[in-house]
PDB file of N, CA and C in Angstrom:
ATOM      1  N   MET A   1      22.408 -15.447 -40.843  1.00  0.00           N
ATOM      2  CA  MET A   1      22.895 -16.436 -39.885  1.00  0.00           C
ATOM      3  C   MET A   1      24.241 -16.989 -40.345  1.00  0.00           C
ATOM      4  N   LEU A   2      24.315 -17.364 -41.610  1.00  0.00           N
ATOM      5  CA  LEU A   2      25.548 -17.919 -42.161  1.00  0.00           C
ATOM      6  C   LEU A   2      26.666 -16.881 -42.139  1.00  0.00           C
ATOM      7  N   LEU A   3      26.323 -15.623 -42.435  1.00  0.00           N
ATOM      8  CA  LEU A   3      27.304 -14.547 -42.424  1.00  0.00           C
ATOM      9  C   LEU A   3      27.847 -14.314 -41.016  1.00  0.00           C
ATOM     10  N   ALA A   4      26.984 -14.323 -40.017  1.00  0.00           N
ATOM     11  CA  ALA A   4      27.415 -14.147 -38.630  1.00  0.00           C
ATOM     12  C   ALA A   4      28.324 -15.283 -38.194  1.00  0.00           C
ATOM     13  N   GLN A   5      27.989 -16.491 -38.593  1.00  0.00           N
ATOM     14  CA  GLN A   5      28.809 -17.648 -38.238  1.00  0.00           C
ATOM     15  C   GLN A   5      30.164 -17.561 -38.936  1.00  0.00           C
ATOM     16  N   SER A   6      30.165 -17.110 -40.182  1.00  0.00           N
ATOM     17  CA  SER A   6      31.410 -16.953 -40.928  1.00  0.00           C
ATOM     18  C   SER A   6      32.298 -15.903 -40.262  1.00  0.00           C
ATOM     19  N   ARG A   7      31.716 -14.805 -39.813  1.00  0.00           N
ATOM     20  CA  ARG A   7      32.477 -13.766 -39.116  1.00  0.00           C
ATOM     21  C   ARG A   7      33.067 -14.298 -37.821  1.00  0.00           C
ATOM     22  N   GLU A   8      32.308 -15.103 -37.107  1.00  0.00           N
ATOM     23  CA  GLU A   8      32.811 -15.695 -35.865  1.00  0.00           C
ATOM     24  C   GLU A   8      33.996 -16.619 -36.154  1.00  0.00           C
ATOM     25  N   ASN A   9      33.899 -17.388 -37.220  1.00  0.00           N
ATOM     26  CA  ASN A   9      34.998 -18.281 -37.595  1.00  0.00           C
ATOM     27  C   ASN A   9      36.244 -17.478 -37.965  1.00  0.00           C
ATOM     28  N   ILE A  10      36.054 -16.412 -38.716  1.00  0.00           N
ATOM     29  CA  ILE A  10      37.187 -15.567 -39.104  1.00  0.00           C
ATOM     30  C   ILE A  10      37.798 -14.925 -37.868  1.00  0.00           C
ATOM     31  N   ALA A  11      36.963 -14.415 -36.978  1.00  0.00           N
ATOM     32  CA  ALA A  11      37.460 -13.792 -35.746  1.00  0.00           C
ATOM     33  C   ALA A  11      38.250 -14.797 -34.917  1.00  0.00           C
ATOM     34  N   SER A  12      37.766 -16.021 -34.850  1.00  0.00           N
ATOM     35  CA  SER A  12      38.454 -17.062 -34.091  1.00  0.00           C
ATOM     36  C   SER A  12      39.824 -17.371 -34.699  1.00  0.00           C
ATOM     37  N   VAL A  13      39.883 -17.444 -36.013  1.00  0.00           N
ATOM     38  CA  VAL A  13      41.158 -17.713 -36.700  1.00  0.00           C
ATOM     39  C   VAL A  13      42.124 -16.552 -36.482  1.00  0.00           C
ATOM     40  N   VAL A  14      41.633 -15.331 -36.598  1.00  0.00           N
ATOM     41  CA  VAL A  14      42.482 -14.158 -36.393  1.00  0.00           C
ATOM     42  C   VAL A  14      43.048 -14.148 -34.976  1.00  0.00           C
ATOM     43  N   ILE A  15      42.226 -14.426 -33.993  1.00  0.00           N
ATOM     44  CA  ILE A  15      42.695 -14.464 -32.606  1.00  0.00           C
ATOM     45  C   ILE A  15      43.766 -15.537 -32.433  1.00  0.00           C
ATOM     46  N   ASP A  16      43.551 -16.704 -33.018  1.00  0.00           N
ATOM     47  CA  ASP A  16      44.542 -17.782 -32.938  1.00  0.00           C
ATOM     48  C   ASP A  16      45.870 -17.354 -33.567  1.00  0.00           C
ATOM     49  N   VAL A  17      45.797 -16.710 -34.710  1.00  0.00           N
ATOM     50  CA  VAL A  17      47.011 -16.263 -35.405  1.00  0.00           C
ATOM     51  C   VAL A  17      47.729 -15.202 -34.585  1.00  0.00           C
ATOM     52  N   LEU A  18      46.985 -14.261 -34.019  1.00  0.00           N
ATOM     53  CA  LEU A  18      47.609 -13.223 -33.197  1.00  0.00           C
ATOM     54  C   LEU A  18      48.276 -13.810 -31.957  1.00  0.00           C
ATOM     55  N   GLU A  19      47.641 -14.778 -31.336  1.00  0.00           N
ATOM     56  CA  GLU A  19      48.244 -15.432 -30.174  1.00  0.00           C
ATOM     57  C   GLU A  19      49.524 -16.166 -30.560  1.00  0.00           C
ATOM     58  N   GLU A  20      49.500 -16.834 -31.716  1.00  0.00           N
ATOM     59  CA  GLU A  20      50.704 -17.523 -32.187  1.00  0.00           C
ATOM     60  C   GLU A  20      51.811 -16.517 -32.505  1.00  0.00           C
ATOM     61  N   CYS A  21      51.451 -15.396 -33.114  1.00  0.00           N
ATOM     62  CA  CYS A  21      52.440 -14.352 -33.402  1.00  0.00           C
ATOM     63  C   CYS A  21      53.077 -13.838 -32.124  1.00  0.00           C
ATOM     64  N   GLU A  22      52.265 -13.621 -31.111  1.00  0.00           N
ATOM     65  CA  GLU A  22      52.801 -13.140 -29.842  1.00  0.00           C
ATOM     66  C   GLU A  22      53.765 -14.161 -29.240  1.00  0.00           C
ATOM     67  N   GLU A  23      53.387 -15.422 -29.262  1.00  0.00           N
ATOM     68  CA  GLU A  23      54.262 -16.475 -28.740  1.00  0.00           C
ATOM     69  C   GLU A  23      55.586 -16.504 -29.500  1.00  0.00           C
ATOM     70  N   LEU A  24      55.527 -16.383 -30.823  1.00  0.00           N
ATOM     71  CA  LEU A  24      56.742 -16.396 -31.637  1.00  0.00           C
ATOM     72  C   LEU A  24      57.619 -15.181 -31.348  1.00  0.00           C
ATOM     73  N   LEU A  25      57.013 -14.014 -31.197  1.00  0.00           N
ATOM     74  CA  LEU A  25      57.799 -12.818 -30.894  1.00  0.00           C
ATOM     75  C   LEU A  25      58.455 -12.921 -29.523  1.00  0.00           C
ATOM     76  N   ILE A  26      57.776 -13.514 -28.574  1.00  0.00           N
ATOM     77  CA  ILE A  26      58.374 -13.722 -27.249  1.00  0.00           C
ATOM     78  C   ILE A  26      59.561 -14.677 -27.355  1.00  0.00           C
ATOM     79  N   GLU A  27      59.393 -15.745 -28.113  1.00  0.00           N
ATOM     80  CA  GLU A  27      60.488 -16.708 -28.299  1.00  0.00           C
ATOM     81  C   GLU A  27      61.666 -16.072 -29.043  1.00  0.00           C
ATOM     82  N   VAL A  28      61.371 -15.270 -30.054  1.00  0.00           N
ATOM     83  CA  VAL A  28      62.427 -14.563 -30.781  1.00  0.00           C
ATOM     84  C   VAL A  28      63.190 -13.658 -29.820  1.00  0.00           C
ATOM     85  N   GLY A  29      62.457 -12.949 -28.966  1.00  0.00           N
ATOM     86  CA  GLY A  29      63.105 -12.087 -27.976  1.00  0.00           C
ATOM     87  C   GLY A  29      64.045 -12.869 -27.075  1.00  0.00           C
ATOM     88  N   ARG A  30      63.608 -14.035 -26.638  1.00  0.00           N
ATOM     89  CA  ARG A  30      64.469 -14.885 -25.791  1.00  0.00           C
ATOM     90  C   ARG A  30      65.743 -15.290 -26.527  1.00  0.00           C
ATOM     91  N   LYS A  31      65.601 -15.651 -27.790  1.00  0.00           N
ATOM     92  CA  LYS A  31      66.772 -16.087 -28.576  1.00  0.00           C
ATOM     93  C   LYS A  31      67.775 -14.944 -28.735  1.00  0.00           C
ATOM     94  N   TYR A  32      67.276 -13.740 -29.053  1.00  0.00           N
ATOM     95  CA  TYR A  32      68.197 -12.614 -29.228  1.00  0.00           C
ATOM     96  C   TYR A  32      68.799 -12.172 -27.906  1.00  0.00           C
ATOM     97  N   ARG A  33      68.054 -12.283 -26.809  1.00  0.00           N
ATOM     98  CA  ARG A  33      68.636 -11.983 -25.502  1.00  0.00           C
ATOM     99  C   ARG A  33      69.759 -12.982 -25.196  1.00  0.00           C
ATOM    100  N   SER A  34      69.533 -14.232 -25.571  1.00  0.00           N
ATOM    101  CA  SER A  34      70.556 -15.252 -25.378  1.00  0.00           C
ATOM    102  C   SER A  34      71.800 -14.930 -26.205  1.00  0.00           C
ATOM    103  N   ALA A  35      71.596 -14.517 -27.447  1.00  0.00           N
ATOM    104  CA  ALA A  35      72.724 -14.137 -28.299  1.00  0.00           C
ATOM    105  C   ALA A  35      73.480 -12.958 -27.697  1.00  0.00           C
ATOM    106  N   LEU A  36      72.742 -12.013 -27.139  1.00  0.00           N
ATOM    107  CA  LEU A  36      73.389 -10.846 -26.534  1.00  0.00           C
ATOM    108  C   LEU A  36      74.103 -11.192 -25.236  1.00  0.00           C
ATOM    109  N   SER A  37      73.661 -12.248 -24.555  1.00  0.00           N
ATOM    110  CA  SER A  37      74.385 -12.671 -23.348  1.00  0.00           C
ATOM    111  C   SER A  37      75.746 -13.257 -23.718  1.00  0.00           C
ATOM    112  N   ILE A  38      75.865 -13.763 -24.933  1.00  0.00           N
ATOM    113  CA  ILE A  38      77.142 -14.286 -25.421  1.00  0.00           C
ATOM    114  C   ILE A  38      78.020 -13.155 -25.924  1.00  0.00           C
ATOM    115  N   ASP A  39      77.420 -12.236 -26.700  1.00  0.00           N
ATOM    116  CA  ASP A  39      78.150 -11.094 -27.237  1.00  0.00           C
ATOM    117  C   ASP A  39      77.253  -9.865 -27.162  1.00  0.00           C
ATOM    118  N   GLY A  40      77.449  -9.081 -26.123  1.00  0.00           N
ATOM    119  CA  GLY A  40      76.630  -7.902 -25.892  1.00  0.00           C
ATOM    120  C   GLY A  40      76.794  -6.814 -26.930  1.00  0.00           C
ATOM    121  N   ASN A  41      77.800  -6.934 -27.782  1.00  0.00           N
ATOM    122  CA  ASN A  41      78.043  -5.935 -28.820  1.00  0.00           C
ATOM    123  C   ASN A  41      77.564  -6.375 -30.197  1.00  0.00           C
ATOM    124  N   ASP A  42      76.841  -7.457 -30.264  1.00  0.00           N
ATOM    125  CA  ASP A  42      76.338  -7.962 -31.549  1.00  0.00           C
ATOM    126  C   ASP A  42      75.241  -7.027 -32.057  1.00  0.00           C
ATOM    127  N   VAL A  43      75.606  -6.150 -33.000  1.00  0.00           N
ATOM    128  CA  VAL A  43      74.659  -5.133 -33.464  1.00  0.00           C
ATOM    129  C   VAL A  43      73.463  -5.742 -34.188  1.00  0.00           C
ATOM    130  N   ARG A  44      73.685  -6.839 -34.852  1.00  0.00           N
ATOM    131  CA  ARG A  44      72.568  -7.491 -35.543  1.00  0.00           C
ATOM    132  C   ARG A  44      71.555  -8.029 -34.539  1.00  0.00           C
ATOM    133  N   ALA A  45      72.040  -8.626 -33.461  1.00  0.00           N
ATOM    134  CA  ALA A  45      71.146  -9.133 -32.418  1.00  0.00           C
ATOM    135  C   ALA A  45      70.425  -7.977 -31.725  1.00  0.00           C
ATOM    136  N   LEU A  46      71.136  -6.872 -31.468  1.00  0.00           N
ATOM    137  CA  LEU A  46      70.493  -5.702 -30.867  1.00  0.00           C
ATOM    138  C   LEU A  46      69.389  -5.164 -31.773  1.00  0.00           C
ATOM    139  N   TYR A  47      69.698  -5.051 -33.058  1.00  0.00           N
ATOM    140  CA  TYR A  47      68.702  -4.559 -34.010  1.00  0.00           C
ATOM    141  C   TYR A  47      67.488  -5.486 -34.067  1.00  0.00           C
ATOM    142  N   ASN A  48      67.736  -6.784 -34.203  1.00  0.00           N
ATOM    143  CA  ASN A  48      66.629  -7.735 -34.320  1.00  0.00           C
ATOM    144  C   ASN A  48      65.808  -7.834 -33.039  1.00  0.00           C
ATOM    145  N   LEU A  49      66.458  -7.718 -31.885  1.00  0.00           N
ATOM    146  CA  LEU A  49      65.713  -7.707 -30.626  1.00  0.00           C
ATOM    147  C   LEU A  49      64.851  -6.450 -30.550  1.00  0.00           C
ATOM    148  N   GLY A  50      65.406  -5.320 -30.932  1.00  0.00           N
ATOM    149  CA  GLY A  50      64.623  -4.086 -30.954  1.00  0.00           C
ATOM    150  C   GLY A  50      63.432  -4.200 -31.887  1.00  0.00           C
ATOM    151  N   LEU A  51      63.639  -4.819 -33.033  1.00  0.00           N
ATOM    152  CA  LEU A  51      62.554  -5.013 -33.993  1.00  0.00           C
ATOM    153  C   LEU A  51      61.478  -5.927 -33.419  1.00  0.00           C
ATOM    154  N   ALA A  52      61.886  -7.033 -32.804  1.00  0.00           N
ATOM    155  CA  ALA A  52      60.920  -7.953 -32.199  1.00  0.00           C
ATOM    156  C   ALA A  52      60.127  -7.268 -31.087  1.00  0.00           C
ATOM    157  N   LEU A  53      60.805  -6.482 -30.261  1.00  0.00           N
ATOM    158  CA  LEU A  53      60.121  -5.762 -29.182  1.00  0.00           C
ATOM    159  C   LEU A  53      59.135  -4.741 -29.732  1.00  0.00           C
ATOM    160  N   SER A  54      59.542  -4.055 -30.781  1.00  0.00           N
ATOM    161  CA  SER A  54      58.673  -3.059 -31.395  1.00  0.00           C
ATOM    162  C   SER A  54      57.431  -3.705 -32.004  1.00  0.00           C
ATOM    163  N   LEU A  55      57.623  -4.817 -32.696  1.00  0.00           N
ATOM    164  CA  LEU A  55      56.491  -5.532 -33.283  1.00  0.00           C
ATOM    165  C   LEU A  55      55.571  -6.082 -32.196  1.00  0.00           C
ATOM    166  N   HIS A  56      56.170  -6.583 -31.122  1.00  0.00           N
ATOM    167  CA  HIS A  56      55.378  -7.097 -30.013  1.00  0.00           C
ATOM    168  C   HIS A  56      54.554  -5.966 -29.390  1.00  0.00           C
ATOM    169  N   ALA A  57      55.148  -4.794 -29.244  1.00  0.00           N
ATOM    170  CA  ALA A  57      54.419  -3.653 -28.693  1.00  0.00           C
ATOM    171  C   ALA A  57      53.222  -3.293 -29.565  1.00  0.00           C
ATOM    172  N   GLN A  58      53.415  -3.317 -30.880  1.00  0.00           N
ATOM    173  CA  GLN A  58      52.307  -3.022 -31.787  1.00  0.00           C
ATOM    174  C   GLN A  58      51.209  -4.067 -31.660  1.00  0.00           C
ATOM    175  N   LEU A  59      51.612  -5.311 -31.506  1.00  0.00           N
ATOM    176  CA  LEU A  59      50.651  -6.408 -31.421  1.00  0.00           C
ATOM    177  C   LEU A  59      49.799  -6.325 -30.154  1.00  0.00           C
ATOM    178  N   ILE A  60      50.408  -5.958 -29.042  1.00  0.00           N
ATOM    179  CA  ILE A  60      49.686  -5.964 -27.767  1.00  0.00           C
ATOM    180  C   ILE A  60      49.110  -4.604 -27.387  1.00  0.00           C
ATOM    181  N   ALA A  61      49.297  -3.599 -28.208  1.00  0.00           N
ATOM    182  CA  ALA A  61      48.854  -2.245 -27.868  1.00  0.00           C
ATOM    183  C   ALA A  61      47.362  -2.177 -27.573  1.00  0.00           C
ATOM    184  N   ASP A  62      46.567  -2.957 -28.275  1.00  0.00           N
ATOM    185  CA  ASP A  62      45.121  -2.921 -28.048  1.00  0.00           C
ATOM    186  C   ASP A  62      44.722  -3.610 -26.752  1.00  0.00           C
ATOM    187  N   ILE A  63      45.573  -4.495 -26.257  1.00  0.00           N
ATOM    188  CA  ILE A  63      45.236  -5.280 -25.075  1.00  0.00           C
ATOM    189  C   ILE A  63      45.762  -4.614 -23.807  1.00  0.00           C
ATOM    190  N   GLY A  64      47.024  -4.246 -23.841  1.00  0.00           N
ATOM    191  CA  GLY A  64      47.640  -3.697 -22.648  1.00  0.00           C
ATOM    192  C   GLY A  64      48.568  -2.551 -22.977  1.00  0.00           C
ATOM    193  N   LEU A  65      48.092  -1.343 -22.763  1.00  0.00           N
ATOM    194  CA  LEU A  65      48.882  -0.172 -23.129  1.00  0.00           C
ATOM    195  C   LEU A  65      50.174  -0.066 -22.330  1.00  0.00           C
ATOM    196  N   GLU A  66      50.132  -0.421 -21.059  1.00  0.00           N
ATOM    197  CA  GLU A  66      51.339  -0.322 -20.241  1.00  0.00           C
ATOM    198  C   GLU A  66      52.414  -1.294 -20.725  1.00  0.00           C
ATOM    199  N   ALA A  67      52.017  -2.508 -21.044  1.00  0.00           N
ATOM    200  CA  ALA A  67      52.971  -3.495 -21.557  1.00  0.00           C
ATOM    201  C   ALA A  67      53.522  -3.056 -22.911  1.00  0.00           C
ATOM    202  N   ALA A  68      52.673  -2.487 -23.749  1.00  0.00           N
ATOM    203  CA  ALA A  68      53.122  -1.998 -25.051  1.00  0.00           C
ATOM    204  C   ALA A  68      54.116  -0.856 -24.876  1.00  0.00           C
ATOM    205  N   PHE A  69      53.829   0.032 -23.952  1.00  0.00           N
ATOM    206  CA  PHE A  69      54.727   1.157 -23.670  1.00  0.00           C
ATOM    207  C   PHE A  69      56.085   0.649 -23.199  1.00  0.00           C
ATOM    208  N   ASP A  70      56.081  -0.333 -22.296  1.00  0.00           N
ATOM    209  CA  ASP A  70      57.330  -0.906 -21.796  1.00  0.00           C
ATOM    210  C   ASP A  70      58.121  -1.569 -22.923  1.00  0.00           C
ATOM    211  N   ALA A  71      57.438  -2.294 -23.801  1.00  0.00           N
ATOM    212  CA  ALA A  71      58.112  -2.943 -24.926  1.00  0.00           C
ATOM    213  C   ALA A  71      58.690  -1.902 -25.870  1.00  0.00           C
ATOM    214  N   ASP A  72      57.959  -0.819 -26.117  1.00  0.00           N
ATOM    215  CA  ASP A  72      58.475   0.255 -26.962  1.00  0.00           C
ATOM    216  C   ASP A  72      59.711   0.901 -26.347  1.00  0.00           C
ATOM    217  N   LYS A  73      59.678   1.150 -25.033  1.00  0.00           N
ATOM    218  CA  LYS A  73      60.842   1.747 -24.364  1.00  0.00           C
ATOM    219  C   LYS A  73      62.058   0.834 -24.490  1.00  0.00           C
ATOM    220  N   GLU A  74      61.840  -0.459 -24.311  1.00  0.00           N
ATOM    221  CA  GLU A  74      62.958  -1.408 -24.419  1.00  0.00           C
ATOM    222  C   GLU A  74      63.461  -1.476 -25.858  1.00  0.00           C
ATOM    223  N   ALA A  75      62.547  -1.442 -26.822  1.00  0.00           N
ATOM    224  CA  ALA A  75      62.947  -1.456 -28.233  1.00  0.00           C
ATOM    225  C   ALA A  75      63.799  -0.232 -28.554  1.00  0.00           C
ATOM    226  N   ILE A  76      63.376   0.931 -28.072  1.00  0.00           N
ATOM    227  CA  ILE A  76      64.135   2.169 -28.303  1.00  0.00           C
ATOM    228  C   ILE A  76      65.532   2.044 -27.718  1.00  0.00           C
ATOM    229  N   ALA A  77      65.635   1.470 -26.522  1.00  0.00           N
ATOM    230  CA  ALA A  77      66.943   1.287 -25.881  1.00  0.00           C
ATOM    231  C   ALA A  77      67.835   0.372 -26.717  1.00  0.00           C
ATOM    232  N   LYS A  78      67.259  -0.689 -27.288  1.00  0.00           N
ATOM    233  CA  LYS A  78      68.055  -1.609 -28.107  1.00  0.00           C
ATOM    234  C   LYS A  78      68.517  -0.922 -29.388  1.00  0.00           C
ATOM    235  N   PHE A  79      67.633  -0.133 -30.016  1.00  0.00           N
ATOM    236  CA  PHE A  79      68.029   0.583 -31.230  1.00  0.00           C
ATOM    237  C   PHE A  79      69.118   1.613 -30.910  1.00  0.00           C
ATOM    238  N   ASP A  80      68.978   2.308 -29.779  1.00  0.00           N
ATOM    239  CA  ASP A  80      70.009   3.265 -29.369  1.00  0.00           C
ATOM    240  C   ASP A  80      71.355   2.566 -29.166  1.00  0.00           C
ATOM    241  N   ALA A  81      71.321   1.438 -28.467  1.00  0.00           N
ATOM    242  CA  ALA A  81      72.557   0.688 -28.214  1.00  0.00           C
ATOM    243  C   ALA A  81      73.178   0.212 -29.520  1.00  0.00           C
ATOM    244  N   MET A  82      72.352  -0.242 -30.440  1.00  0.00           N
ATOM    245  CA  MET A  82      72.851  -0.734 -31.717  1.00  0.00           C
ATOM    246  C   MET A  82      73.508   0.383 -32.515  1.00  0.00           C
ATOM    247  N   VAL A  83      72.848   1.538 -32.600  1.00  0.00           N
ATOM    248  CA  VAL A  83      73.380   2.652 -33.381  1.00  0.00           C
ATOM    249  C   VAL A  83      74.660   3.191 -32.757  1.00  0.00           C
ATOM    250  N   SER A  84      74.768   3.135 -31.431  1.00  0.00           N
ATOM    251  CA  SER A  84      75.987   3.623 -30.782  1.00  0.00           C
ATOM    252  C   SER A  84      77.181   2.717 -31.052  1.00  0.00           C
ATOM    253  N   ARG A  85      76.931   1.478 -31.469  1.00  0.00           N
ATOM    254  CA  ARG A  85      78.019   0.539 -31.736  1.00  0.00           C
ATOM    255  C   ARG A  85      78.387   0.445 -33.212  1.00  0.00           C
ATOM    256  N   SER A  86      77.414   0.690 -34.092  1.00  0.00           N
ATOM    257  CA  SER A  86      77.677   0.512 -35.517  1.00  0.00           C
ATOM    258  C   SER A  86      76.620   1.241 -36.337  1.00  0.00           C
ATOM    259  N   ASN A  87      77.003   1.614 -37.539  1.00  0.00           N
ATOM    260  CA  ASN A  87      76.065   2.227 -38.479  1.00  0.00           C
ATOM    261  C   ASN A  87      75.493   1.220 -39.461  1.00  0.00           C
ATOM    262  N   ALA A  88      75.793  -0.056 -39.257  1.00  0.00           N
ATOM    263  CA  ALA A  88      75.402  -1.089 -40.223  1.00  0.00           C
ATOM    264  C   ALA A  88      73.908  -1.089 -40.508  1.00  0.00           C
ATOM    265  N   TYR A  89      73.101  -0.971 -39.484  1.00  0.00           N
ATOM    266  CA  TYR A  89      71.649  -1.009 -39.655  1.00  0.00           C
ATOM    267  C   TYR A  89      71.020   0.338 -39.273  1.00  0.00           C
ATOM    268  N   ALA A  90      71.828   1.375 -39.235  1.00  0.00           N
ATOM    269  CA  ALA A  90      71.373   2.664 -38.717  1.00  0.00           C
ATOM    270  C   ALA A  90      70.137   3.227 -39.409  1.00  0.00           C
ATOM    271  N   PRO A  91      70.063   3.266 -40.737  1.00  0.00           N
ATOM    272  CA  PRO A  91      68.868   3.876 -41.345  1.00  0.00           C
ATOM    273  C   PRO A  91      67.571   3.175 -40.937  1.00  0.00           C
ATOM    274  N   ASP A  92      67.557   1.861 -41.003  1.00  0.00           N
ATOM    275  CA  ASP A  92      66.338   1.135 -40.632  1.00  0.00           C
ATOM    276  C   ASP A  92      66.102   1.208 -39.132  1.00  0.00           C
ATOM    277  N   ALA A  93      67.171   1.143 -38.345  1.00  0.00           N
ATOM    278  CA  ALA A  93      67.024   1.224 -36.892  1.00  0.00           C
ATOM    279  C   ALA A  93      66.459   2.580 -36.489  1.00  0.00           C
ATOM    280  N   LEU A  94      66.916   3.639 -37.122  1.00  0.00           N
ATOM    281  CA  LEU A  94      66.386   4.964 -36.801  1.00  0.00           C
ATOM    282  C   LEU A  94      64.913   5.082 -37.186  1.00  0.00           C
ATOM    283  N   PHE A  95      64.563   4.484 -38.302  1.00  0.00           N
ATOM    284  CA  PHE A  95      63.162   4.463 -38.723  1.00  0.00           C
ATOM    285  C   PHE A  95      62.322   3.713 -37.700  1.00  0.00           C
ATOM    286  N   ARG A  96      62.778   2.514 -37.305  1.00  0.00           N
ATOM    287  CA  ARG A  96      62.052   1.716 -36.311  1.00  0.00           C
ATOM    288  C   ARG A  96      62.020   2.424 -34.962  1.00  0.00           C
ATOM    289  N   TRP A  97      63.130   3.075 -34.602  1.00  0.00           N
ATOM    290  CA  TRP A  97      63.200   3.827 -33.358  1.00  0.00           C
ATOM    291  C   TRP A  97      62.137   4.915 -33.354  1.00  0.00           C
ATOM    292  N   ALA A  98      62.012   5.623 -34.477  1.00  0.00           N
ATOM    293  CA  ALA A  98      61.015   6.690 -34.581  1.00  0.00           C
ATOM    294  C   ALA A  98      59.594   6.138 -34.463  1.00  0.00           C
ATOM    295  N   ILE A  99      59.332   4.999 -35.085  1.00  0.00           N
ATOM    296  CA  ILE A  99      58.004   4.382 -34.989  1.00  0.00           C
ATOM    297  C   ILE A  99      57.709   3.996 -33.543  1.00  0.00           C
ATOM    298  N   ALA A 100      58.677   3.387 -32.873  1.00  0.00           N
ATOM    299  CA  ALA A 100      58.482   2.989 -31.472  1.00  0.00           C
ATOM    300  C   ALA A 100      58.266   4.221 -30.596  1.00  0.00           C
ATOM    301  N   LEU A 101      59.029   5.262 -30.848  1.00  0.00           N
ATOM    302  CA  LEU A 101      58.893   6.498 -30.069  1.00  0.00           C
ATOM    303  C   LEU A 101      57.520   7.120 -30.309  1.00  0.00           C
ATOM    304  N   PHE A 102      57.103   7.151 -31.542  1.00  0.00           N
ATOM    305  CA  PHE A 102      55.774   7.684 -31.897  1.00  0.00           C
ATOM    306  C   PHE A 102      54.687   6.861 -31.250  1.00  0.00           C
ATOM    307  N   SER A 103      54.810   5.532 -31.313  1.00  0.00           N
ATOM    308  CA  SER A 103      53.809   4.644 -30.716  1.00  0.00           C
ATOM    309  C   SER A 103      53.724   4.841 -29.209  1.00  0.00           C
ATOM    310  N   SER A 104      54.877   4.942 -28.580  1.00  0.00           N
ATOM    311  CA  SER A 104      54.876   5.076 -27.117  1.00  0.00           C
ATOM    312  C   SER A 104      54.314   6.417 -26.673  1.00  0.00           C
ATOM    313  N   ALA A 105      54.337   7.402 -27.541  1.00  0.00           N
ATOM    314  CA  ALA A 105      53.786   8.705 -27.194  1.00  0.00           C
ATOM    315  C   ALA A 105      52.258   8.649 -27.078  1.00  0.00           C
ATOM    316  N   PHE A 106      51.646   7.680 -27.746  1.00  0.00           N
ATOM    317  CA  PHE A 106      50.189   7.588 -27.750  1.00  0.00           C
ATOM    318  C   PHE A 106      49.668   6.454 -26.893  1.00  0.00           C
ATOM    319  N   THR A 107      50.534   5.778 -26.137  1.00  0.00           N
ATOM    320  CA  THR A 107      50.073   4.705 -25.259  1.00  0.00           C
ATOM    321  C   THR A 107      49.989   5.166 -23.839  1.00  0.00           C
TER     322      THR A 107
END
Protein backbone atom coordinates (compact mmCIF):
# COMPACT_ATOMS: atom_id res chain seq x y z
CA MET A 1 0.00 0.00 0.00
CA LEU A 2 2.76 2.42 0.98
CA LEU A 3 4.74 1.52 -2.15
CA ALA A 4 1.74 2.17 -4.41
CA GLN A 5 1.12 5.51 -2.74
CA SER A 6 4.80 6.42 -3.10
CA ARG A 7 4.67 5.58 -6.82
CA GLU A 8 1.59 7.76 -7.23
CA ASN A 9 3.37 10.65 -5.51
CA ILE A 10 6.42 10.22 -7.74
CA ALA A 11 4.23 10.03 -10.85
CA SER A 12 2.43 13.20 -9.80
CA VAL A 13 5.72 15.05 -9.27
CA VAL A 14 7.07 13.85 -12.62
CA ILE A 15 3.93 15.02 -14.42
CA ASP A 16 4.18 18.42 -12.72
CA VAL A 17 7.84 18.76 -13.73
CA LEU A 18 7.11 17.75 -17.32
CA GLU A 19 4.29 20.28 -17.56
CA GLU A 20 6.57 22.99 -16.18
CA CYS A 21 9.29 22.01 -18.68
CA GLU A 22 6.82 22.28 -21.53
CA GLU A 23 5.68 25.71 -20.36
CA LEU A 24 9.31 26.88 -20.11
CA LEU A 25 10.18 25.55 -23.57
CA ILE A 26 7.16 27.34 -25.04
CA GLU A 27 8.23 30.58 -23.34
CA VAL A 28 11.81 30.12 -24.55
CA GLY A 29 10.48 29.66 -28.08
CA ARG A 30 8.54 32.92 -27.80
CA LYS A 31 11.63 34.79 -26.60
CA TYR A 32 13.81 33.50 -29.45
CA ARG A 33 11.09 34.23 -32.00
CA SER A 34 11.00 37.76 -30.61
CA ALA A 35 14.78 38.03 -30.95
CA LEU A 36 14.53 36.81 -34.54
CA SER A 37 11.85 39.40 -35.30
CA ILE A 38 14.45 42.02 -34.38
CA ASP A 39 17.33 40.35 -36.24
CA GLY A 40 16.35 37.49 -38.51
CA ASN A 41 20.01 36.66 -39.11
CA ASP A 42 20.92 36.09 -35.46
CA VAL A 43 22.49 32.63 -35.75
CA ARG A 44 22.58 32.13 -32.01
CA ALA A 45 18.84 32.79 -31.74
CA LEU A 46 18.17 30.46 -34.70
CA TYR A 47 20.25 27.73 -33.09
CA ASN A 48 18.65 28.14 -29.66
CA LEU A 49 15.14 28.24 -31.12
CA GLY A 50 15.88 25.06 -33.06
CA LEU A 51 17.18 23.46 -29.88
CA ALA A 52 14.09 24.50 -27.89
CA LEU A 53 11.79 23.17 -30.63
CA SER A 54 13.69 19.90 -30.78
CA LEU A 55 13.54 19.44 -27.01
CA HIS A 56 9.85 20.32 -27.02
CA ALA A 57 9.24 17.71 -29.72
CA GLN A 58 10.98 15.07 -27.62
CA LEU A 59 8.96 16.07 -24.58
CA ILE A 60 5.57 15.86 -26.30
CA ALA A 61 6.28 12.86 -28.54
CA ASP A 62 4.46 10.48 -26.21
CA ILE A 63 1.38 12.71 -26.07
CA GLY A 64 0.94 14.01 -29.57
CA LEU A 65 2.91 12.59 -32.46
CA GLU A 66 1.63 15.14 -34.97
CA ALA A 67 2.64 18.08 -32.78
CA ALA A 68 6.03 16.48 -32.16
CA PHE A 69 6.52 15.97 -35.89
CA ASP A 70 5.63 19.62 -36.57
CA ALA A 71 8.06 20.81 -33.88
CA ASP A 72 10.81 18.61 -35.33
CA LYS A 73 10.18 19.98 -38.84
CA GLU A 74 10.37 23.54 -37.53
CA ALA A 75 13.53 22.74 -35.55
CA ILE A 76 15.16 21.31 -38.70
CA ALA A 77 14.23 24.47 -40.60
CA LYS A 78 15.83 26.66 -37.91
CA PHE A 79 19.02 24.57 -37.89
CA ASP A 80 19.15 24.74 -41.71
CA ALA A 81 18.70 28.52 -41.63
CA MET A 82 21.37 28.88 -38.96
CA VAL A 83 23.94 26.76 -40.81
CA SER A 84 23.29 28.64 -44.06
CA ARG A 85 24.21 31.90 -42.30
CA SER A 86 27.19 30.85 -40.20
CA ASN A 87 29.36 27.92 -39.18
CA ALA A 88 29.59 29.16 -35.59
CA TYR A 89 27.35 26.44 -34.17
CA ALA A 90 27.44 24.11 -37.17
CA PRO A 91 28.77 20.91 -35.54
CA ASP A 92 26.21 20.93 -32.73
CA ALA A 93 23.44 22.19 -35.02
CA LEU A 94 24.09 19.36 -37.46
CA PHE A 95 24.01 16.87 -34.61
CA ARG A 96 20.72 18.32 -33.33
CA TRP A 97 19.38 18.47 -36.89
CA ALA A 98 20.14 14.76 -37.31
CA ILE A 99 18.41 13.91 -34.02
CA ALA A 100 15.32 15.91 -35.02
CA LEU A 101 15.31 14.29 -38.46
CA PHE A 102 15.67 10.83 -36.93
CA SER A 103 12.91 11.55 -34.41
CA SER A 104 10.54 12.85 -37.05
CA ALA A 105 11.08 9.72 -39.12
CA PHE A 106 9.52 7.64 -36.34
CA THR A 107 6.59 9.92 -35.46
